[in-house]
């Protein structure tokens, strides 16, 4: 089992920044690929970004490329999501997720059904 707890959400003005954190406990964190997904009211969950277990590759949805950055600190069992130049449409509940071995393609890493463990989410609200 892996337990994931997100933090760092809140209310921010458009153009501002937030940094989300996801702390993991349980089995060896470094053996998991980590992803961030988000869901807005009335919309399906969507992929935001992911990072492989070796910290050598990152994957981004087109909507956040150049604005969001994912990183991880395996020594601290934590994955981060730095969000800059936030837009109103970034408003959502952001979820952290963990997956074991995955085929390292954007399609697979961005598929939420591939992830075994999920946090409860943290709300990000961007005021326009």
Foldseek 3Di string as FASTA:
>chain_A
DKAKAKDWADEEAQQAKTKMKIAIDDPQLLQKKKFKWWDDPPDDIWGAKIAGSVRPDIEGDPVQPPFWDWGDDSVRRMIMIIGGNHDQVVWTWMKMFIAGDWDPDNVTRGDPVRTDDIYPTDTHGYHD
